[in-house]
Amino acid sequence: MTRFQSPFVRICWYLSLAILAVPFVFPFLWMLSGAVKSQTEIFSPSLSLLPQTWHWENYAEVFRYQPFARQYFNSLYIAVVVTAGSLFISSLAGYALARIRFAGSGLLLLMLISALMMPEEVTIIPNFFLMKWLGLMNTHMPLILLPMFGSQGVMATFLMRQYFTALPPELEEAARMDGLSRFGIFWKVALPLSRPALAAVGIITFLFSWNLFLEPLVFLSDIELFTLPLALSNFTDAYGLPLWHLQMAATSLAVVPILIVYIAAQRQIVESFALSGVKG
């Protein structure tokens, strides 16, 4: 019997992993606990995870305090639109950079990669004036266009390009002999084979759009148009101090789509990152 087949060793491994998971799981449990506590009980000296009185009305108060349902829908539909648009654009651009040889393709790829080195804090002011000139202030369009064509879109294009580069060229040659056009080869051969990379790009893009804070803070002023990250910071009292019990309740609701994405696609996440990081 090998060392990893021993029941005693397995138990030790599980106990060690459970202990290592405590620092990562405890903040999440504290958030869930704070969501059903009163404002004063959250910072009580006991610091117990179990509340003395379960305040389930905190969740109802979240929706009465501000239009949280509308803000939840705003984040959800923006993330879905950005994800779908980024998948379409990055797959086309990545395939073109990987398979189509044209003058300046290497220079174009270098310029795209260099855009990843520029933080969004540097580009937010030019983007602000651009969106103001286009008349898109206080709308959701900046939150859709900037992730699709900004640094996040560049990263998505680079990941797709790396995956398409690793595909065997013999597949395209066989498809070309069958009479498929360039777009037909992309649509019927390359794209179906790139599902792991598409899963990676889709998950990364969805999480990026869902967690955007700076762009909504700069471009939005109407509370009805707020997204969740901006709405969470708006649970304050008359003096501007955080209402922690409402923030914890709202945050616990905000993480639900993220948990669903990770639970449903955790295998694709691991496989896609391994493929995009090693091949190419």
C-alpha atoms as a PDB file:
ATOM      1  CA  MET A   1       0.000   0.000   0.000  1.00  0.00           C
ATOM      2  CA  THR A   2       1.406   3.335  -1.004  1.00  0.00           C
ATOM      3  CA  ARG A   3       1.667   6.330   1.253  1.00  0.00           C
ATOM      4  CA  PHE A   4      -1.276   8.136  -0.415  1.00  0.00           C
ATOM      5  CA  GLN A   5      -3.485   5.050  -0.092  1.00  0.00           C
ATOM      6  CA  SER A   6      -3.119   4.890   3.666  1.00  0.00           C
ATOM      7  CA  PRO A   7      -6.315   6.015   5.475  1.00  0.00           C
ATOM      8  CA  PHE A   8      -4.233   7.662   8.206  1.00  0.00           C
ATOM      9  CA  VAL A   9      -2.289   9.725   5.667  1.00  0.00           C
ATOM     10  CA  ARG A  10      -5.499  10.737   3.916  1.00  0.00           C
ATOM     11  CA  ILE A  11      -6.981  11.932   7.201  1.00  0.00           C
ATOM     12  CA  CYS A  12      -3.829  13.964   7.909  1.00  0.00           C
ATOM     13  CA  TRP A  13      -4.005  15.528   4.458  1.00  0.00           C
ATOM     14  CA  TYR A  14      -7.663  16.433   4.882  1.00  0.00           C
ATOM     15  CA  LEU A  15      -7.048  17.929   8.327  1.00  0.00           C
ATOM     16  CA  SER A  16      -4.104  19.953   7.024  1.00  0.00           C
ATOM     17  CA  LEU A  17      -6.122  21.275   4.082  1.00  0.00           C
ATOM     18  CA  ALA A  18      -9.022  22.121   6.398  1.00  0.00           C
ATOM     19  CA  ILE A  19      -6.711  24.104   8.692  1.00  0.00           C
ATOM     20  CA  LEU A  20      -5.179  25.942   5.727  1.00  0.00           C
ATOM     21  CA  ALA A  21      -8.663  26.781   4.439  1.00  0.00           C
ATOM     22  CA  VAL A  22      -9.708  28.528   7.666  1.00  0.00           C
ATOM     23  CA  PRO A  23      -8.125  31.947   6.836  1.00  0.00           C
ATOM     24  CA  PHE A  24      -9.912  31.913   3.473  1.00  0.00           C
ATOM     25  CA  VAL A  25     -13.301  30.658   4.669  1.00  0.00           C
ATOM     26  CA  PHE A  26     -13.561  32.690   7.888  1.00  0.00           C
ATOM     27  CA  PRO A  27     -14.125  36.110   6.194  1.00  0.00           C
ATOM     28  CA  PHE A  28     -16.942  34.589   4.154  1.00  0.00           C
ATOM     29  CA  LEU A  29     -18.548  33.083   7.261  1.00  0.00           C
ATOM     30  CA  TRP A  30     -18.138  36.392   9.097  1.00  0.00           C
ATOM     31  CA  MET A  31     -19.930  38.152   6.229  1.00  0.00           C
ATOM     32  CA  LEU A  32     -22.853  35.713   6.387  1.00  0.00           C
ATOM     33  CA  SER A  33     -22.982  36.092  10.141  1.00  0.00           C
ATOM     34  CA  GLY A  34     -22.905  39.883   9.985  1.00  0.00           C
ATOM     35  CA  ALA A  35     -25.725  39.851   7.450  1.00  0.00           C
ATOM     36  CA  VAL A  36     -28.179  38.643  10.119  1.00  0.00           C
ATOM     37  CA  LYS A  37     -26.830  40.673  13.049  1.00  0.00           C
ATOM     38  CA  SER A  38     -27.685  44.147  14.234  1.00  0.00           C
ATOM     39  CA  GLN A  39     -25.315  47.052  13.639  1.00  0.00           C
ATOM     40  CA  THR A  40     -24.127  47.062  17.260  1.00  0.00           C
ATOM     41  CA  GLU A  41     -23.759  43.296  17.585  1.00  0.00           C
ATOM     42  CA  ILE A  42     -21.352  43.007  14.637  1.00  0.00           C
ATOM     43  CA  PHE A  43     -18.534  44.619  16.646  1.00  0.00           C
ATOM     44  CA  SER A  44     -19.500  43.254  20.048  1.00  0.00           C
ATOM     45  CA  PRO A  45     -16.568  42.042  22.228  1.00  0.00           C
ATOM     46  CA  SER A  46     -17.694  38.423  21.959  1.00  0.00           C
ATOM     47  CA  LEU A  47     -17.037  38.297  18.180  1.00  0.00           C
ATOM     48  CA  SER A  48     -19.259  35.229  17.926  1.00  0.00           C
ATOM     49  CA  LEU A  49     -20.215  33.954  14.506  1.00  0.00           C
ATOM     50  CA  LEU A  50     -23.671  33.008  15.766  1.00  0.00           C
ATOM     51  CA  PRO A  51     -25.871  36.066  16.343  1.00  0.00           C
ATOM     52  CA  GLN A  52     -27.801  36.445  19.577  1.00  0.00           C
ATOM     53  CA  THR A  53     -30.862  37.490  17.549  1.00  0.00           C
ATOM     54  CA  TRP A  54     -31.284  36.574  13.905  1.00  0.00           C
ATOM     55  CA  HIS A  55     -32.202  39.730  11.985  1.00  0.00           C
ATOM     56  CA  TRP A  56     -33.512  38.327   8.706  1.00  0.00           C
ATOM     57  CA  GLU A  57     -35.179  41.669   8.079  1.00  0.00           C
ATOM     58  CA  ASN A  58     -31.752  43.034   7.084  1.00  0.00           C
ATOM     59  CA  TYR A  59     -32.237  41.512   3.657  1.00  0.00           C
ATOM     60  CA  ALA A  60     -35.577  43.252   3.201  1.00  0.00           C
ATOM     61  CA  GLU A  61     -34.082  46.517   4.432  1.00  0.00           C
ATOM     62  CA  VAL A  62     -31.413  46.286   1.718  1.00  0.00           C
ATOM     63  CA  PHE A  63     -34.101  46.596  -0.968  1.00  0.00           C
ATOM     64  CA  ARG A  64     -35.929  49.384   0.878  1.00  0.00           C
ATOM     65  CA  TYR A  65     -32.831  51.492   1.483  1.00  0.00           C
ATOM     66  CA  GLN A  66     -32.060  51.942  -2.216  1.00  0.00           C
ATOM     67  CA  PRO A  67     -33.200  50.383  -5.547  1.00  0.00           C
ATOM     68  CA  PHE A  68     -31.023  47.319  -4.979  1.00  0.00           C
ATOM     69  CA  ALA A  69     -33.030  45.040  -7.280  1.00  0.00           C
ATOM     70  CA  ARG A  70     -32.532  47.455 -10.178  1.00  0.00           C
ATOM     71  CA  GLN A  71     -28.840  47.784  -9.349  1.00  0.00           C
ATOM     72  CA  TYR A  72     -28.523  43.993  -9.201  1.00  0.00           C
ATOM     73  CA  PHE A  73     -30.103  43.726 -12.645  1.00  0.00           C
ATOM     74  CA  ASN A  74     -27.768  46.454 -13.942  1.00  0.00           C
ATOM     75  CA  SER A  75     -24.677  44.492 -12.921  1.00  0.00           C
ATOM     76  CA  LEU A  76     -26.073  41.233 -14.249  1.00  0.00           C
ATOM     77  CA  TYR A  77     -27.058  42.439 -17.702  1.00  0.00           C
ATOM     78  CA  ILE A  78     -23.872  44.515 -18.136  1.00  0.00           C
ATOM     79  CA  ALA A  79     -21.700  41.512 -17.206  1.00  0.00           C
ATOM     80  CA  VAL A  80     -23.596  39.250 -19.630  1.00  0.00           C
ATOM     81  CA  VAL A  81     -23.381  41.752 -22.502  1.00  0.00           C
ATOM     82  CA  VAL A  82     -19.682  42.426 -21.887  1.00  0.00           C
ATOM     83  CA  THR A  83     -18.929  38.701 -21.684  1.00  0.00           C
ATOM     84  CA  ALA A  84     -20.784  37.889 -24.897  1.00  0.00           C
ATOM     85  CA  GLY A  85     -19.240  40.803 -26.769  1.00  0.00           C
ATOM     86  CA  SER A  86     -15.733  40.033 -25.512  1.00  0.00           C
ATOM     87  CA  LEU A  87     -16.036  36.375 -26.531  1.00  0.00           C
ATOM     88  CA  PHE A  88     -17.115  37.362 -30.035  1.00  0.00           C
ATOM     89  CA  ILE A  89     -14.463  40.040 -30.557  1.00  0.00           C
ATOM     90  CA  SER A  90     -11.558  38.267 -28.861  1.00  0.00           C
ATOM     91  CA  SER A  91     -12.168  34.991 -30.684  1.00  0.00           C
ATOM     92  CA  LEU A  92     -12.175  36.730 -34.062  1.00  0.00           C
ATOM     93  CA  ALA A  93      -9.170  38.912 -33.257  1.00  0.00           C
ATOM     94  CA  GLY A  94      -7.256  36.066 -31.615  1.00  0.00           C
ATOM     95  CA  TYR A  95      -7.797  33.808 -34.607  1.00  0.00           C
ATOM     96  CA  ALA A  96      -6.683  36.528 -37.009  1.00  0.00           C
ATOM     97  CA  LEU A  97      -3.489  37.174 -35.036  1.00  0.00           C
ATOM     98  CA  ALA A  98      -2.746  33.448 -34.751  1.00  0.00           C
ATOM     99  CA  ARG A  99      -3.540  32.206 -38.251  1.00  0.00           C
ATOM    100  CA  ILE A 100      -3.665  35.106 -40.708  1.00  0.00           C
ATOM    101  CA  ARG A 101      -0.300  36.499 -41.771  1.00  0.00           C
ATOM    102  CA  PHE A 102      -0.460  40.167 -42.728  1.00  0.00           C
ATOM    103  CA  ALA A 103       1.938  43.087 -42.704  1.00  0.00           C
ATOM    104  CA  GLY A 104       2.448  44.477 -39.226  1.00  0.00           C
ATOM    105  CA  SER A 105       0.786  41.600 -37.372  1.00  0.00           C
ATOM    106  CA  GLY A 106       3.760  41.234 -35.019  1.00  0.00           C
ATOM    107  CA  LEU A 107       3.847  44.959 -34.315  1.00  0.00           C
ATOM    108  CA  LEU A 108       0.098  44.987 -33.717  1.00  0.00           C
ATOM    109  CA  LEU A 109       0.399  42.123 -31.224  1.00  0.00           C
ATOM    110  CA  LEU A 110       3.230  43.929 -29.440  1.00  0.00           C
ATOM    111  CA  MET A 111       1.144  47.095 -29.175  1.00  0.00           C
ATOM    112  CA  LEU A 112      -1.797  45.126 -27.802  1.00  0.00           C
ATOM    113  CA  ILE A 113       0.338  43.406 -25.182  1.00  0.00           C
ATOM    114  CA  SER A 114       1.885  46.723 -24.166  1.00  0.00           C
ATOM    115  CA  ALA A 115      -1.630  47.953 -23.378  1.00  0.00           C
ATOM    116  CA  LEU A 116      -1.748  45.399 -20.549  1.00  0.00           C
ATOM    117  CA  MET A 117       1.040  47.295 -18.773  1.00  0.00           C
ATOM    118  CA  MET A 118      -1.088  50.430 -18.470  1.00  0.00           C
ATOM    119  CA  PRO A 119      -3.341  50.467 -15.372  1.00  0.00           C
ATOM    120  CA  GLU A 120      -6.891  51.704 -15.686  1.00  0.00           C
ATOM    121  CA  GLU A 121      -6.130  54.634 -13.368  1.00  0.00           C
ATOM    122  CA  VAL A 122      -3.890  56.040 -16.117  1.00  0.00           C
ATOM    123  CA  THR A 123      -6.495  55.771 -18.873  1.00  0.00           C
ATOM    124  CA  ILE A 124      -9.571  56.767 -16.869  1.00  0.00           C
ATOM    125  CA  ILE A 125      -9.132  60.520 -17.519  1.00  0.00           C
ATOM    126  CA  PRO A 126      -8.784  60.212 -21.338  1.00  0.00           C
ATOM    127  CA  ASN A 127     -11.699  57.777 -21.311  1.00  0.00           C
ATOM    128  CA  PHE A 128     -13.737  60.251 -19.281  1.00  0.00           C
ATOM    129  CA  PHE A 129     -13.248  63.014 -21.847  1.00  0.00           C
ATOM    130  CA  LEU A 130     -13.903  60.574 -24.700  1.00  0.00           C
ATOM    131  CA  MET A 131     -17.196  59.395 -23.216  1.00  0.00           C
ATOM    132  CA  LYS A 132     -18.186  62.968 -22.418  1.00  0.00           C
ATOM    133  CA  TRP A 133     -17.481  63.985 -26.021  1.00  0.00           C
ATOM    134  CA  LEU A 134     -19.580  61.040 -27.244  1.00  0.00           C
ATOM    135  CA  GLY A 135     -22.444  62.026 -24.925  1.00  0.00           C
ATOM    136  CA  LEU A 136     -22.345  58.722 -23.032  1.00  0.00           C
ATOM    137  CA  MET A 137     -21.979  60.086 -19.496  1.00  0.00           C
ATOM    138  CA  ASN A 138     -24.444  58.713 -16.928  1.00  0.00           C
ATOM    139  CA  THR A 139     -25.214  55.739 -19.154  1.00  0.00           C
ATOM    140  CA  HIS A 140     -24.120  52.110 -19.088  1.00  0.00           C
ATOM    141  CA  MET A 141     -22.321  52.318 -22.421  1.00  0.00           C
ATOM    142  CA  PRO A 142     -18.888  53.158 -20.910  1.00  0.00           C
ATOM    143  CA  LEU A 143     -19.219  50.110 -18.645  1.00  0.00           C
ATOM    144  CA  ILE A 144     -19.846  47.969 -21.727  1.00  0.00           C
ATOM    145  CA  LEU A 145     -17.454  49.473 -24.265  1.00  0.00           C
ATOM    146  CA  LEU A 146     -14.373  50.000 -22.084  1.00  0.00           C
ATOM    147  CA  PRO A 147     -14.037  46.399 -20.818  1.00  0.00           C
ATOM    148  CA  MET A 148     -14.611  45.049 -24.339  1.00  0.00           C
ATOM    149  CA  PHE A 149     -12.051  47.294 -26.050  1.00  0.00           C
ATOM    150  CA  GLY A 150      -9.760  48.100 -23.108  1.00  0.00           C
ATOM    151  CA  SER A 151      -7.091  46.118 -21.304  1.00  0.00           C
ATOM    152  CA  GLN A 152      -9.517  43.325 -20.417  1.00  0.00           C
ATOM    153  CA  GLY A 153     -10.387  42.885 -24.074  1.00  0.00           C
ATOM    154  CA  VAL A 154      -6.691  42.784 -24.919  1.00  0.00           C
ATOM    155  CA  MET A 155      -6.100  40.040 -22.357  1.00  0.00           C
ATOM    156  CA  ALA A 156      -9.019  38.057 -23.770  1.00  0.00           C
ATOM    157  CA  THR A 157      -7.631  38.432 -27.297  1.00  0.00           C
ATOM    158  CA  PHE A 158      -4.179  37.330 -26.161  1.00  0.00           C
ATOM    159  CA  LEU A 159      -5.559  34.216 -24.438  1.00  0.00           C
ATOM    160  CA  MET A 160      -7.536  33.262 -27.528  1.00  0.00           C
ATOM    161  CA  ARG A 161      -4.539  33.913 -29.774  1.00  0.00           C
ATOM    162  CA  GLN A 162      -2.353  31.642 -27.633  1.00  0.00           C
ATOM    163  CA  TYR A 163      -4.886  28.843 -27.831  1.00  0.00           C
ATOM    164  CA  PHE A 164      -5.434  29.141 -31.590  1.00  0.00           C
ATOM    165  CA  THR A 165      -1.670  29.117 -32.122  1.00  0.00           C
ATOM    166  CA  ALA A 166      -1.457  25.737 -30.395  1.00  0.00           C
ATOM    167  CA  LEU A 167      -4.050  24.101 -32.664  1.00  0.00           C
ATOM    168  CA  PRO A 168      -2.552  21.734 -35.275  1.00  0.00           C
ATOM    169  CA  PRO A 169      -2.453  23.453 -38.707  1.00  0.00           C
ATOM    170  CA  GLU A 170      -3.304  20.111 -40.345  1.00  0.00           C
ATOM    171  CA  LEU A 171      -6.912  20.559 -39.183  1.00  0.00           C
ATOM    172  CA  GLU A 172      -7.233  23.775 -41.144  1.00  0.00           C
ATOM    173  CA  GLU A 173      -5.557  22.274 -44.188  1.00  0.00           C
ATOM    174  CA  ALA A 174      -8.031  19.375 -44.185  1.00  0.00           C
ATOM    175  CA  ALA A 175     -10.955  21.788 -43.791  1.00  0.00           C
ATOM    176  CA  ARG A 176      -9.628  23.940 -46.643  1.00  0.00           C
ATOM    177  CA  MET A 177      -9.416  20.874 -48.880  1.00  0.00           C
ATOM    178  CA  ASP A 178     -13.087  20.220 -48.051  1.00  0.00           C
ATOM    179  CA  GLY A 179     -13.935  23.624 -49.473  1.00  0.00           C
ATOM    180  CA  LEU A 180     -14.403  25.672 -46.317  1.00  0.00           C
ATOM    181  CA  SER A 181     -13.656  29.376 -46.457  1.00  0.00           C
ATOM    182  CA  ARG A 182     -11.457  31.161 -43.919  1.00  0.00           C
ATOM    183  CA  PHE A 183     -14.484  32.104 -41.840  1.00  0.00           C
ATOM    184  CA  GLY A 184     -15.910  28.605 -42.238  1.00  0.00           C
ATOM    185  CA  ILE A 185     -12.697  27.116 -40.858  1.00  0.00           C
ATOM    186  CA  PHE A 186     -12.869  29.498 -37.918  1.00  0.00           C
ATOM    187  CA  TRP A 187     -16.548  28.879 -37.209  1.00  0.00           C
ATOM    188  CA  LYS A 188     -16.741  25.120 -37.778  1.00  0.00           C
ATOM    189  CA  VAL A 189     -13.259  23.922 -36.805  1.00  0.00           C
ATOM    190  CA  ALA A 190     -11.253  26.337 -34.678  1.00  0.00           C
ATOM    191  CA  LEU A 191     -14.034  27.792 -32.543  1.00  0.00           C
ATOM    192  CA  PRO A 192     -15.559  24.463 -31.399  1.00  0.00           C
ATOM    193  CA  LEU A 193     -12.075  23.242 -30.418  1.00  0.00           C
ATOM    194  CA  SER A 194     -11.427  26.374 -28.360  1.00  0.00           C
ATOM    195  CA  ARG A 195     -14.145  25.797 -25.764  1.00  0.00           C
ATOM    196  CA  PRO A 196     -11.641  25.591 -22.859  1.00  0.00           C
ATOM    197  CA  ALA A 197     -10.169  28.968 -23.830  1.00  0.00           C
ATOM    198  CA  LEU A 198     -13.643  30.422 -24.354  1.00  0.00           C
ATOM    199  CA  ALA A 199     -14.582  29.243 -20.864  1.00  0.00           C
ATOM    200  CA  ALA A 200     -11.515  30.949 -19.404  1.00  0.00           C
ATOM    201  CA  VAL A 201     -12.171  34.205 -21.249  1.00  0.00           C
ATOM    202  CA  GLY A 202     -15.856  34.141 -20.379  1.00  0.00           C
ATOM    203  CA  ILE A 203     -15.267  33.562 -16.670  1.00  0.00           C
ATOM    204  CA  ILE A 204     -12.491  36.155 -16.384  1.00  0.00           C
ATOM    205  CA  THR A 205     -14.503  38.746 -18.294  1.00  0.00           C
ATOM    206  CA  PHE A 206     -17.681  38.138 -16.294  1.00  0.00           C
ATOM    207  CA  LEU A 207     -15.846  38.513 -12.983  1.00  0.00           C
ATOM    208  CA  PHE A 208     -14.012  41.607 -14.201  1.00  0.00           C
ATOM    209  CA  SER A 209     -17.233  43.309 -15.292  1.00  0.00           C
ATOM    210  CA  TRP A 210     -19.109  42.222 -12.166  1.00  0.00           C
ATOM    211  CA  ASN A 211     -16.453  43.739  -9.887  1.00  0.00           C
ATOM    212  CA  LEU A 212     -15.975  47.058 -11.724  1.00  0.00           C
ATOM    213  CA  PHE A 213     -15.949  49.968  -9.289  1.00  0.00           C
ATOM    214  CA  LEU A 214     -13.841  52.825 -10.666  1.00  0.00           C
ATOM    215  CA  GLU A 215     -15.690  53.135 -13.982  1.00  0.00           C
ATOM    216  CA  PRO A 216     -19.192  53.231 -12.439  1.00  0.00           C
ATOM    217  CA  LEU A 217     -17.927  55.742  -9.884  1.00  0.00           C
ATOM    218  CA  VAL A 218     -16.628  58.033 -12.651  1.00  0.00           C
ATOM    219  CA  PHE A 219     -19.326  57.646 -15.298  1.00  0.00           C
ATOM    220  CA  LEU A 220     -22.549  57.203 -13.287  1.00  0.00           C
ATOM    221  CA  SER A 221     -24.397  59.701 -11.114  1.00  0.00           C
ATOM    222  CA  ASP A 222     -27.980  58.382 -11.134  1.00  0.00           C
ATOM    223  CA  ILE A 223     -28.594  55.888  -8.301  1.00  0.00           C
ATOM    224  CA  GLU A 224     -30.966  53.941 -10.568  1.00  0.00           C
ATOM    225  CA  LEU A 225     -28.011  53.227 -12.879  1.00  0.00           C
ATOM    226  CA  PHE A 226     -25.587  52.118 -10.152  1.00  0.00           C
ATOM    227  CA  THR A 227     -24.003  48.685 -10.342  1.00  0.00           C
ATOM    228  CA  LEU A 228     -23.479  46.463  -7.301  1.00  0.00           C
ATOM    229  CA  PRO A 229     -19.920  47.508  -6.332  1.00  0.00           C
ATOM    230  CA  LEU A 230     -20.994  51.144  -6.295  1.00  0.00           C
ATOM    231  CA  ALA A 231     -24.283  50.337  -4.571  1.00  0.00           C
ATOM    232  CA  LEU A 232     -22.521  48.456  -1.761  1.00  0.00           C
ATOM    233  CA  SER A 233     -20.568  51.571  -0.824  1.00  0.00           C
ATOM    234  CA  ASN A 234     -23.811  53.550  -0.678  1.00  0.00           C
ATOM    235  CA  PHE A 235     -25.169  51.815   2.453  1.00  0.00           C
ATOM    236  CA  THR A 236     -24.243  54.621   4.847  1.00  0.00           C
ATOM    237  CA  ASP A 237     -26.028  56.640   7.517  1.00  0.00           C
ATOM    238  CA  ALA A 238     -26.635  60.385   7.581  1.00  0.00           C
ATOM    239  CA  TYR A 239     -23.045  60.988   8.714  1.00  0.00           C
ATOM    240  CA  GLY A 240     -21.503  58.896   5.959  1.00  0.00           C
ATOM    241  CA  LEU A 241     -20.603  55.999   8.257  1.00  0.00           C
ATOM    242  CA  PRO A 242     -21.103  52.454   6.909  1.00  0.00           C
ATOM    243  CA  LEU A 243     -24.194  50.514   7.870  1.00  0.00           C
ATOM    244  CA  TRP A 244     -22.296  47.279   8.259  1.00  0.00           C
ATOM    245  CA  HIS A 245     -25.282  44.988   8.770  1.00  0.00           C
ATOM    246  CA  LEU A 246     -26.827  46.181   5.502  1.00  0.00           C
ATOM    247  CA  GLN A 247     -23.499  46.064   3.668  1.00  0.00           C
ATOM    248  CA  MET A 248     -22.943  42.472   4.803  1.00  0.00           C
ATOM    249  CA  ALA A 249     -26.466  41.464   3.755  1.00  0.00           C
ATOM    250  CA  ALA A 250     -26.099  43.144   0.360  1.00  0.00           C
ATOM    251  CA  THR A 251     -22.635  41.664  -0.175  1.00  0.00           C
ATOM    252  CA  SER A 252     -23.875  38.155   0.618  1.00  0.00           C
ATOM    253  CA  LEU A 253     -26.486  38.612  -2.121  1.00  0.00           C
ATOM    254  CA  ALA A 254     -23.923  40.066  -4.524  1.00  0.00           C
ATOM    255  CA  VAL A 255     -21.614  37.025  -4.342  1.00  0.00           C
ATOM    256  CA  VAL A 256     -24.331  34.558  -5.376  1.00  0.00           C
ATOM    257  CA  PRO A 257     -23.670  34.771  -9.164  1.00  0.00           C
ATOM    258  CA  ILE A 258     -19.920  34.499  -8.560  1.00  0.00           C
ATOM    259  CA  LEU A 259     -20.388  31.343  -6.497  1.00  0.00           C
ATOM    260  CA  ILE A 260     -22.645  29.878  -9.166  1.00  0.00           C
ATOM    261  CA  VAL A 261     -20.056  30.580 -11.882  1.00  0.00           C
ATOM    262  CA  TYR A 262     -17.238  28.987  -9.879  1.00  0.00           C
ATOM    263  CA  ILE A 263     -19.222  25.946  -8.785  1.00  0.00           C
ATOM    264  CA  ALA A 264     -20.619  25.293 -12.256  1.00  0.00           C
ATOM    265  CA  ALA A 265     -17.357  25.846 -14.148  1.00  0.00           C
ATOM    266  CA  GLN A 266     -14.547  25.096 -11.701  1.00  0.00           C
ATOM    267  CA  ARG A 267     -13.226  22.255 -13.866  1.00  0.00           C
ATOM    268  CA  GLN A 268     -13.187  24.452 -16.963  1.00  0.00           C
ATOM    269  CA  ILE A 269     -11.384  27.172 -15.018  1.00  0.00           C
ATOM    270  CA  VAL A 270      -8.503  24.884 -14.063  1.00  0.00           C
ATOM    271  CA  GLU A 271      -8.237  23.239 -17.490  1.00  0.00           C
ATOM    272  CA  SER A 272      -8.441  26.472 -19.442  1.00  0.00           C
ATOM    273  CA  PHE A 273      -5.775  28.231 -17.396  1.00  0.00           C
ATOM    274  CA  ALA A 274      -3.463  25.245 -17.764  1.00  0.00           C
ATOM    275  CA  LEU A 275      -3.966  25.183 -21.521  1.00  0.00           C
ATOM    276  CA  SER A 276      -3.629  28.936 -22.050  1.00  0.00           C
ATOM    277  CA  GLY A 277      -0.603  29.199 -19.780  1.00  0.00           C
ATOM    278  CA  VAL A 278       1.446  26.305 -21.142  1.00  0.00           C
ATOM    279  CA  LYS A 279       0.676  26.064 -24.852  1.00  0.00           C
ATOM    280  CA  GLY A 280       1.714  28.579 -27.478  1.00  0.00           C
END
